[in-house]
Amino acid sequence: MKKTITPNGHKLTGVFCSIFGHHYVVSKQVTQHIKEYRCIHCQKRVTTNENGKLSVLTPQMQEINQTLEDMYQKRKRRHAGEVALPPQVA
């Protein structure tokens, strides 16, 4: 029997998700508060939006998340370099 795969995963697992709901796992941590998730059954991808709710990961949202991740990493590196040593007592 030929396996049928859709862009969002297998058809049978898609039916499973429509009945029982998705089982999301974190696929990428963009920042401390924004993450990308993927359903382990149907491979549907979602992300957290500005309200903290899950929304479908569109190409536009992917681009926004990539920009946020770049800004977050630059800021994190900059603050890591600014850590000052405690003053020494003479």
PDB file of N, CA and C in Angstrom:
ATOM      1  N   MET A   1       0.830  -1.168   0.000  1.00  0.00           N
ATOM      2  CA  MET A   1       0.000   0.000   0.000  1.00  0.00           C
ATOM      3  C   MET A   1       0.882   1.242   0.000  1.00  0.00           C
ATOM      4  N   LYS A   2       0.538   2.208  -0.823  1.00  0.00           N
ATOM      5  CA  LYS A   2       1.322   3.426  -0.948  1.00  0.00           C
ATOM      6  C   LYS A   2       1.008   4.370   0.217  1.00  0.00           C
ATOM      7  N   LYS A   3       2.069   4.916   0.825  1.00  0.00           N
ATOM      8  CA  LYS A   3       1.876   5.859   1.917  1.00  0.00           C
ATOM      9  C   LYS A   3       1.553   7.227   1.334  1.00  0.00           C
ATOM     10  N   THR A   4       0.563   7.863   1.899  1.00  0.00           N
ATOM     11  CA  THR A   4       0.177   9.195   1.451  1.00  0.00           C
ATOM     12  C   THR A   4       0.654  10.201   2.476  1.00  0.00           C
ATOM     13  N   ILE A   5       1.489  11.127   2.031  1.00  0.00           N
ATOM     14  CA  ILE A   5       2.017  12.149   2.922  1.00  0.00           C
ATOM     15  C   ILE A   5       1.566  13.510   2.408  1.00  0.00           C
ATOM     16  N   THR A   6       0.979  14.282   3.284  1.00  0.00           N
ATOM     17  CA  THR A   6       0.564  15.641   2.944  1.00  0.00           C
ATOM     18  C   THR A   6       1.642  16.598   3.435  1.00  0.00           C
ATOM     19  N   PRO A   7       1.585  17.871   3.052  1.00  0.00           N
ATOM     20  CA  PRO A   7       2.573  18.832   3.558  1.00  0.00           C
ATOM     21  C   PRO A   7       2.564  18.944   5.079  1.00  0.00           C
ATOM     22  N   ASN A   8       1.450  18.600   5.706  1.00  0.00           N
ATOM     23  CA  ASN A   8       1.361  18.677   7.159  1.00  0.00           C
ATOM     24  C   ASN A   8       1.519  17.326   7.838  1.00  0.00           C
ATOM     25  N   GLY A   9       2.013  16.324   7.136  1.00  0.00           N
ATOM     26  CA  GLY A   9       2.232  15.017   7.731  1.00  0.00           C
ATOM     27  C   GLY A   9       1.375  13.945   7.082  1.00  0.00           C
ATOM     28  N   HIS A  10       1.245  12.810   7.745  1.00  0.00           N
ATOM     29  CA  HIS A  10       0.461  11.690   7.241  1.00  0.00           C
ATOM     30  C   HIS A  10      -1.028  11.949   7.428  1.00  0.00           C
ATOM     31  N   LYS A  11      -1.839  11.441   6.506  1.00  0.00           N
ATOM     32  CA  LYS A  11      -3.285  11.649   6.592  1.00  0.00           C
ATOM     33  C   LYS A  11      -3.874  10.951   7.815  1.00  0.00           C
ATOM     34  N   LEU A  12      -3.432   9.741   8.113  1.00  0.00           N
ATOM     35  CA  LEU A  12      -3.998   9.018   9.249  1.00  0.00           C
ATOM     36  C   LEU A  12      -3.698   9.716  10.557  1.00  0.00           C
ATOM     37  N   THR A  13      -2.494  10.227  10.706  1.00  0.00           N
ATOM     38  CA  THR A  13      -2.174  10.926  11.942  1.00  0.00           C
ATOM     39  C   THR A  13      -2.902  12.263  12.007  1.00  0.00           C
ATOM     40  N   GLY A  14      -3.193  12.851  10.832  1.00  0.00           N
ATOM     41  CA  GLY A  14      -3.997  14.071  10.811  1.00  0.00           C
ATOM     42  C   GLY A  14      -5.396  13.815  11.343  1.00  0.00           C
ATOM     43  N   VAL A  15      -5.945  12.650  11.025  1.00  0.00           N
ATOM     44  CA  VAL A  15      -7.255  12.268  11.543  1.00  0.00           C
ATOM     45  C   VAL A  15      -7.160  12.065  13.054  1.00  0.00           C
ATOM     46  N   PHE A  16      -6.090  11.445  13.495  1.00  0.00           N
ATOM     47  CA  PHE A  16      -5.854  11.243  14.926  1.00  0.00           C
ATOM     48  C   PHE A  16      -5.861  12.584  15.649  1.00  0.00           C
ATOM     49  N   CYS A  17      -5.156  13.569  15.079  1.00  0.00           N
ATOM     50  CA  CYS A  17      -5.075  14.895  15.705  1.00  0.00           C
ATOM     51  C   CYS A  17      -6.424  15.603  15.683  1.00  0.00           C
ATOM     52  N   SER A  18      -7.199  15.419  14.623  1.00  0.00           N
ATOM     53  CA  SER A  18      -8.495  16.087  14.566  1.00  0.00           C
ATOM     54  C   SER A  18      -9.462  15.506  15.594  1.00  0.00           C
ATOM     55  N   ILE A  19      -9.260  14.260  15.977  1.00  0.00           N
ATOM     56  CA  ILE A  19     -10.136  13.634  16.968  1.00  0.00           C
ATOM     57  C   ILE A  19      -9.645  13.910  18.391  1.00  0.00           C
ATOM     58  N   PHE A  20      -8.352  13.655  18.642  1.00  0.00           N
ATOM     59  CA  PHE A  20      -7.814  13.724  19.997  1.00  0.00           C
ATOM     60  C   PHE A  20      -7.045  15.006  20.301  1.00  0.00           C
ATOM     61  N   GLY A  21      -6.726  15.783  19.293  1.00  0.00           N
ATOM     62  CA  GLY A  21      -5.954  17.002  19.514  1.00  0.00           C
ATOM     63  C   GLY A  21      -4.482  16.764  19.216  1.00  0.00           C
ATOM     64  N   HIS A  22      -3.748  17.852  19.048  1.00  0.00           N
ATOM     65  CA  HIS A  22      -2.332  17.770  18.708  1.00  0.00           C
ATOM     66  C   HIS A  22      -1.483  17.495  19.939  1.00  0.00           C
ATOM     67  N   HIS A  23      -0.302  16.944  19.717  1.00  0.00           N
ATOM     68  CA  HIS A  23       0.688  16.722  20.768  1.00  0.00           C
ATOM     69  C   HIS A  23       1.937  17.507  20.364  1.00  0.00           C
ATOM     70  N   TYR A  24       2.014  18.750  20.828  1.00  0.00           N
ATOM     71  CA  TYR A  24       3.097  19.634  20.424  1.00  0.00           C
ATOM     72  C   TYR A  24       4.324  19.445  21.312  1.00  0.00           C
ATOM     73  N   VAL A  25       5.485  19.522  20.678  1.00  0.00           N
ATOM     74  CA  VAL A  25       6.761  19.559  21.387  1.00  0.00           C
ATOM     75  C   VAL A  25       7.535  20.771  20.860  1.00  0.00           C
ATOM     76  N   VAL A  26       8.406  21.317  21.689  1.00  0.00           N
ATOM     77  CA  VAL A  26       9.174  22.494  21.291  1.00  0.00           C
ATOM     78  C   VAL A  26      10.183  22.076  20.223  1.00  0.00           C
ATOM     79  N   SER A  27      10.120  22.737  19.075  1.00  0.00           N
ATOM     80  CA  SER A  27      11.077  22.436  18.009  1.00  0.00           C
ATOM     81  C   SER A  27      12.172  23.486  17.946  1.00  0.00           C
ATOM     82  N   LYS A  28      11.894  24.686  18.452  1.00  0.00           N
ATOM     83  CA  LYS A  28      12.889  25.758  18.425  1.00  0.00           C
ATOM     84  C   LYS A  28      12.525  26.785  19.481  1.00  0.00           C
ATOM     85  N   GLN A  29      13.516  27.196  20.269  1.00  0.00           N
ATOM     86  CA  GLN A  29      13.288  28.254  21.245  1.00  0.00           C
ATOM     87  C   GLN A  29      13.848  29.547  20.663  1.00  0.00           C
ATOM     88  N   VAL A  30      12.957  30.470  20.318  1.00  0.00           N
ATOM     89  CA  VAL A  30      13.339  31.729  19.689  1.00  0.00           C
ATOM     90  C   VAL A  30      13.900  32.672  20.739  1.00  0.00           C
ATOM     91  N   THR A  31      13.129  32.935  21.793  1.00  0.00           N
ATOM     92  CA  THR A  31      13.562  33.719  22.947  1.00  0.00           C
ATOM     93  C   THR A  31      13.104  32.964  24.181  1.00  0.00           C
ATOM     94  N   GLN A  32      13.227  33.618  25.344  1.00  0.00           N
ATOM     95  CA  GLN A  32      12.757  32.946  26.554  1.00  0.00           C
ATOM     96  C   GLN A  32      11.241  32.768  26.541  1.00  0.00           C
ATOM     97  N   HIS A  33      10.535  33.648  25.852  1.00  0.00           N
ATOM     98  CA  HIS A  33       9.077  33.612  25.879  1.00  0.00           C
ATOM     99  C   HIS A  33       8.447  33.109  24.584  1.00  0.00           C
ATOM    100  N   ILE A  34       9.177  33.114  23.493  1.00  0.00           N
ATOM    101  CA  ILE A  34       8.627  32.721  22.198  1.00  0.00           C
ATOM    102  C   ILE A  34       9.287  31.426  21.750  1.00  0.00           C
ATOM    103  N   LYS A  35       8.451  30.451  21.433  1.00  0.00           N
ATOM    104  CA  LYS A  35       8.935  29.143  20.996  1.00  0.00           C
ATOM    105  C   LYS A  35       8.171  28.711  19.760  1.00  0.00           C
ATOM    106  N   GLU A  36       8.782  27.829  18.987  1.00  0.00           N
ATOM    107  CA  GLU A  36       8.098  27.198  17.866  1.00  0.00           C
ATOM    108  C   GLU A  36       7.842  25.749  18.257  1.00  0.00           C
ATOM    109  N   TYR A  37       6.666  25.258  17.921  1.00  0.00           N
ATOM    110  CA  TYR A  37       6.248  23.912  18.280  1.00  0.00           C
ATOM    111  C   TYR A  37       5.915  23.121  17.026  1.00  0.00           C
ATOM    112  N   ARG A  38       6.016  21.777  17.137  1.00  0.00           N
ATOM    113  CA  ARG A  38       5.659  20.876  16.050  1.00  0.00           C
ATOM    114  C   ARG A  38       4.884  19.706  16.661  1.00  0.00           C
ATOM    115  N   CYS A  39       3.783  19.346  16.007  1.00  0.00           N
ATOM    116  CA  CYS A  39       2.998  18.193  16.452  1.00  0.00           C
ATOM    117  C   CYS A  39       3.755  16.920  16.072  1.00  0.00           C
ATOM    118  N   ILE A  40       3.886  16.008  17.012  1.00  0.00           N
ATOM    119  CA  ILE A  40       4.654  14.793  16.727  1.00  0.00           C
ATOM    120  C   ILE A  40       3.891  13.835  15.814  1.00  0.00           C
ATOM    121  N   HIS A  41       2.585  14.037  15.680  1.00  0.00           N
ATOM    122  CA  HIS A  41       1.793  13.143  14.848  1.00  0.00           C
ATOM    123  C   HIS A  41       1.651  13.644  13.416  1.00  0.00           C
ATOM    124  N   CYS A  42       1.193  14.898  13.249  1.00  0.00           N
ATOM    125  CA  CYS A  42       0.891  15.382  11.899  1.00  0.00           C
ATOM    126  C   CYS A  42       1.894  16.422  11.391  1.00  0.00           C
ATOM    127  N   GLN A  43       2.891  16.766  12.195  1.00  0.00           N
ATOM    128  CA  GLN A  43       3.954  17.708  11.831  1.00  0.00           C
ATOM    129  C   GLN A  43       3.466  19.140  11.653  1.00  0.00           C
ATOM    130  N   LYS A  44       2.281  19.479  12.166  1.00  0.00           N
ATOM    131  CA  LYS A  44       1.785  20.850  12.080  1.00  0.00           C
ATOM    132  C   LYS A  44       2.685  21.739  12.932  1.00  0.00           C
ATOM    133  N   ARG A  45       3.041  22.914  12.399  1.00  0.00           N
ATOM    134  CA  ARG A  45       3.950  23.824  13.095  1.00  0.00           C
ATOM    135  C   ARG A  45       3.191  25.057  13.558  1.00  0.00           C
ATOM    136  N   VAL A  46       3.392  25.423  14.819  1.00  0.00           N
ATOM    137  CA  VAL A  46       2.772  26.604  15.397  1.00  0.00           C
ATOM    138  C   VAL A  46       3.824  27.361  16.199  1.00  0.00           C
ATOM    139  N   THR A  47       3.493  28.599  16.550  1.00  0.00           N
ATOM    140  CA  THR A  47       4.377  29.422  17.364  1.00  0.00           C
ATOM    141  C   THR A  47       3.531  30.227  18.326  1.00  0.00           C
ATOM    142  N   THR A  48       4.173  30.778  19.350  1.00  0.00           N
ATOM    143  CA  THR A  48       3.449  31.657  20.250  1.00  0.00           C
ATOM    144  C   THR A  48       3.405  33.050  19.639  1.00  0.00           C
ATOM    145  N   ASN A  49       2.256  33.705  19.733  1.00  0.00           N
ATOM    146  CA  ASN A  49       2.128  35.049  19.177  1.00  0.00           C
ATOM    147  C   ASN A  49       2.359  36.080  20.273  1.00  0.00           C
ATOM    148  N   GLU A  50       2.073  37.351  19.980  1.00  0.00           N
ATOM    149  CA  GLU A  50       2.338  38.427  20.932  1.00  0.00           C
ATOM    150  C   GLU A  50       1.476  38.345  22.182  1.00  0.00           C
ATOM    151  N   ASN A  51       0.384  37.601  22.127  1.00  0.00           N
ATOM    152  CA  ASN A  51      -0.497  37.430  23.286  1.00  0.00           C
ATOM    153  C   ASN A  51      -0.195  36.154  24.067  1.00  0.00           C
ATOM    154  N   GLY A  52       0.787  35.382  23.607  1.00  0.00           N
ATOM    155  CA  GLY A  52       1.117  34.130  24.278  1.00  0.00           C
ATOM    156  C   GLY A  52       0.277  32.957  23.823  1.00  0.00           C
ATOM    157  N   LYS A  53      -0.575  33.152  22.843  1.00  0.00           N
ATOM    158  CA  LYS A  53      -1.421  32.081  22.305  1.00  0.00           C
ATOM    159  C   LYS A  53      -0.704  31.399  21.144  1.00  0.00           C
ATOM    160  N   LEU A  54      -1.096  30.166  20.853  1.00  0.00           N
ATOM    161  CA  LEU A  54      -0.515  29.448  19.719  1.00  0.00           C
ATOM    162  C   LEU A  54      -1.185  29.885  18.430  1.00  0.00           C
ATOM    163  N   SER A  55      -0.363  30.131  17.405  1.00  0.00           N
ATOM    164  CA  SER A  55      -0.893  30.474  16.089  1.00  0.00           C
ATOM    165  C   SER A  55      -0.088  29.716  15.038  1.00  0.00           C
ATOM    166  N   VAL A  56      -0.687  29.515  13.878  1.00  0.00           N
ATOM    167  CA  VAL A  56      -0.050  28.764  12.804  1.00  0.00           C
ATOM    168  C   VAL A  56       1.239  29.470  12.377  1.00  0.00           C
ATOM    169  N   LEU A  57       2.279  28.699  12.140  1.00  0.00           N
ATOM    170  CA  LEU A  57       3.580  29.250  11.752  1.00  0.00           C
ATOM    171  C   LEU A  57       3.590  29.497  10.247  1.00  0.00           C
ATOM    172  N   THR A  58       3.296  30.717   9.868  1.00  0.00           N
ATOM    173  CA  THR A  58       3.293  31.119   8.463  1.00  0.00           C
ATOM    174  C   THR A  58       4.699  31.578   8.087  1.00  0.00           C
ATOM    175  N   PRO A  59       4.992  31.713   6.795  1.00  0.00           N
ATOM    176  CA  PRO A  59       6.306  32.234   6.402  1.00  0.00           C
ATOM    177  C   PRO A  59       6.589  33.616   7.007  1.00  0.00           C
ATOM    178  N   GLN A  60       5.562  34.448   7.129  1.00  0.00           N
ATOM    179  CA  GLN A  60       5.739  35.764   7.733  1.00  0.00           C
ATOM    180  C   GLN A  60       6.114  35.629   9.212  1.00  0.00           C
ATOM    181  N   MET A  61       5.456  34.734   9.935  1.00  0.00           N
ATOM    182  CA  MET A  61       5.772  34.513  11.346  1.00  0.00           C
ATOM    183  C   MET A  61       7.166  33.914  11.501  1.00  0.00           C
ATOM    184  N   GLN A  62       7.567  33.045  10.559  1.00  0.00           N
ATOM    185  CA  GLN A  62       8.908  32.476  10.597  1.00  0.00           C
ATOM    186  C   GLN A  62       9.955  33.570  10.469  1.00  0.00           C
ATOM    187  N   GLU A  63       9.713  34.506   9.559  1.00  0.00           N
ATOM    188  CA  GLU A  63      10.649  35.612   9.356  1.00  0.00           C
ATOM    189  C   GLU A  63      10.716  36.500  10.602  1.00  0.00           C
ATOM    190  N   ILE A  64       9.580  36.765  11.205  1.00  0.00           N
ATOM    191  CA  ILE A  64       9.545  37.561  12.433  1.00  0.00           C
ATOM    192  C   ILE A  64      10.306  36.850  13.543  1.00  0.00           C
ATOM    193  N   ASN A  65      10.079  35.555  13.691  1.00  0.00           N
ATOM    194  CA  ASN A  65      10.783  34.791  14.722  1.00  0.00           C
ATOM    195  C   ASN A  65      12.285  34.773  14.479  1.00  0.00           C
ATOM    196  N   GLN A  66      12.714  34.657  13.225  1.00  0.00           N
ATOM    197  CA  GLN A  66      14.138  34.654  12.909  1.00  0.00           C
ATOM    198  C   GLN A  66      14.775  35.998  13.279  1.00  0.00           C
ATOM    199  N   THR A  67      14.080  37.101  12.971  1.00  0.00           N
ATOM    200  CA  THR A  67      14.582  38.432  13.316  1.00  0.00           C
ATOM    201  C   THR A  67      14.657  38.597  14.831  1.00  0.00           C
ATOM    202  N   LEU A  68      13.622  38.146  15.543  1.00  0.00           N
ATOM    203  CA  LEU A  68      13.635  38.220  17.001  1.00  0.00           C
ATOM    204  C   LEU A  68      14.775  37.397  17.587  1.00  0.00           C
ATOM    205  N   GLU A  69      14.999  36.221  17.028  1.00  0.00           N
ATOM    206  CA  GLU A  69      16.076  35.363  17.524  1.00  0.00           C
ATOM    207  C   GLU A  69      17.433  36.031  17.311  1.00  0.00           C
ATOM    208  N   ASP A  70      17.651  36.631  16.145  1.00  0.00           N
ATOM    209  CA  ASP A  70      18.912  37.327  15.873  1.00  0.00           C
ATOM    210  C   ASP A  70      19.125  38.470  16.860  1.00  0.00           C
ATOM    211  N   MET A  71      18.078  39.279  17.074  1.00  0.00           N
ATOM    212  CA  MET A  71      18.180  40.400  18.013  1.00  0.00           C
ATOM    213  C   MET A  71      18.441  39.900  19.431  1.00  0.00           C
ATOM    214  N   TYR A  72      17.764  38.837  19.832  1.00  0.00           N
ATOM    215  CA  TYR A  72      17.922  38.268  21.168  1.00  0.00           C
ATOM    216  C   TYR A  72      19.346  37.742  21.368  1.00  0.00           C
ATOM    217  N   GLN A  73      19.887  37.051  20.365  1.00  0.00           N
ATOM    218  CA  GLN A  73      21.246  36.511  20.473  1.00  0.00           C
ATOM    219  C   GLN A  73      22.277  37.629  20.545  1.00  0.00           C
ATOM    220  N   LYS A  74      22.126  38.699  19.735  1.00  0.00           N
ATOM    221  CA  LYS A  74      23.053  39.829  19.782  1.00  0.00           C
ATOM    222  C   LYS A  74      23.019  40.502  21.149  1.00  0.00           C
ATOM    223  N   ARG A  75      21.815  40.698  21.664  1.00  0.00           N
ATOM    224  CA  ARG A  75      21.681  41.327  22.974  1.00  0.00           C
ATOM    225  C   ARG A  75      22.296  40.458  24.059  1.00  0.00           C
ATOM    226  N   LYS A  76      22.089  39.171  23.971  1.00  0.00           N
ATOM    227  CA  LYS A  76      22.619  38.232  24.953  1.00  0.00           C
ATOM    228  C   LYS A  76      24.151  38.248  24.936  1.00  0.00           C
ATOM    229  N   ARG A  77      24.743  38.278  23.721  1.00  0.00           N
ATOM    230  CA  ARG A  77      26.211  38.338  23.613  1.00  0.00           C
ATOM    231  C   ARG A  77      26.745  39.656  24.166  1.00  0.00           C
ATOM    232  N   ARG A  78      26.055  40.761  23.874  1.00  0.00           N
ATOM    233  CA  ARG A  78      26.496  42.067  24.335  1.00  0.00           C
ATOM    234  C   ARG A  78      26.474  42.140  25.858  1.00  0.00           C
ATOM    235  N   HIS A  79      25.413  41.627  26.478  1.00  0.00           N
ATOM    236  CA  HIS A  79      25.320  41.655  27.934  1.00  0.00           C
ATOM    237  C   HIS A  79      26.301  40.693  28.583  1.00  0.00           C
ATOM    238  N   ALA A  80      26.650  39.632  27.917  1.00  0.00           N
ATOM    239  CA  ALA A  80      27.622  38.686  28.468  1.00  0.00           C
ATOM    240  C   ALA A  80      29.007  39.333  28.523  1.00  0.00           C
ATOM    241  N   GLY A  81      29.317  40.213  27.566  1.00  0.00           N
ATOM    242  CA  GLY A  81      30.603  40.898  27.548  1.00  0.00           C
ATOM    243  C   GLY A  81      30.682  42.035  28.543  1.00  0.00           C
ATOM    244  N   GLU A  82      29.537  42.530  29.017  1.00  0.00           N
ATOM    245  CA  GLU A  82      29.514  43.652  29.940  1.00  0.00           C
ATOM    246  C   GLU A  82      29.563  43.236  31.398  1.00  0.00           C
ATOM    247  N   VAL A  83      29.632  41.967  31.672  1.00  0.00           N
ATOM    248  CA  VAL A  83      29.669  41.520  33.052  1.00  0.00           C
ATOM    249  C   VAL A  83      30.971  42.004  33.666  1.00  0.00           C
ATOM    250  N   ALA A  84      30.848  42.838  34.663  1.00  0.00           N
ATOM    251  CA  ALA A  84      32.019  43.446  35.283  1.00  0.00           C
ATOM    252  C   ALA A  84      32.515  42.596  36.438  1.00  0.00           C
ATOM    253  N   LEU A  85      33.801  42.647  36.670  1.00  0.00           N
ATOM    254  CA  LEU A  85      34.382  41.965  37.820  1.00  0.00           C
ATOM    255  C   LEU A  85      34.117  42.789  39.063  1.00  0.00           C
ATOM    256  N   PRO A  86      33.969  42.163  40.210  1.00  0.00           N
ATOM    257  CA  PRO A  86      33.734  42.938  41.436  1.00  0.00           C
ATOM    258  C   PRO A  86      34.978  43.764  41.766  1.00  0.00           C
ATOM    259  N   PRO A  87      34.791  44.954  42.376  1.00  0.00           N
ATOM    260  CA  PRO A  87      35.945  45.791  42.712  1.00  0.00           C
ATOM    261  C   PRO A  87      36.848  45.086  43.719  1.00  0.00           C
ATOM    262  N   GLN A  88      38.146  45.262  43.511  1.00  0.00           N
ATOM    263  CA  GLN A  88      39.114  44.629  44.419  1.00  0.00           C
ATOM    264  C   GLN A  88      39.471  45.583  45.527  1.00  0.00           C
ATOM    265  N   VAL A  89      39.573  45.027  46.728  1.00  0.00           N
ATOM    266  CA  VAL A  89      39.912  45.816  47.913  1.00  0.00           C
ATOM    267  C   VAL A  89      41.424  45.878  48.009  1.00  0.00           C
ATOM    268  N   ALA A  90      41.965  47.079  48.194  1.00  0.00           N
ATOM    269  CA  ALA A  90      43.423  47.245  48.262  1.00  0.00           C
ATOM    270  C   ALA A  90      43.950  47.070  49.649  1.00  0.00           C
TER     271      ALA A  90
END
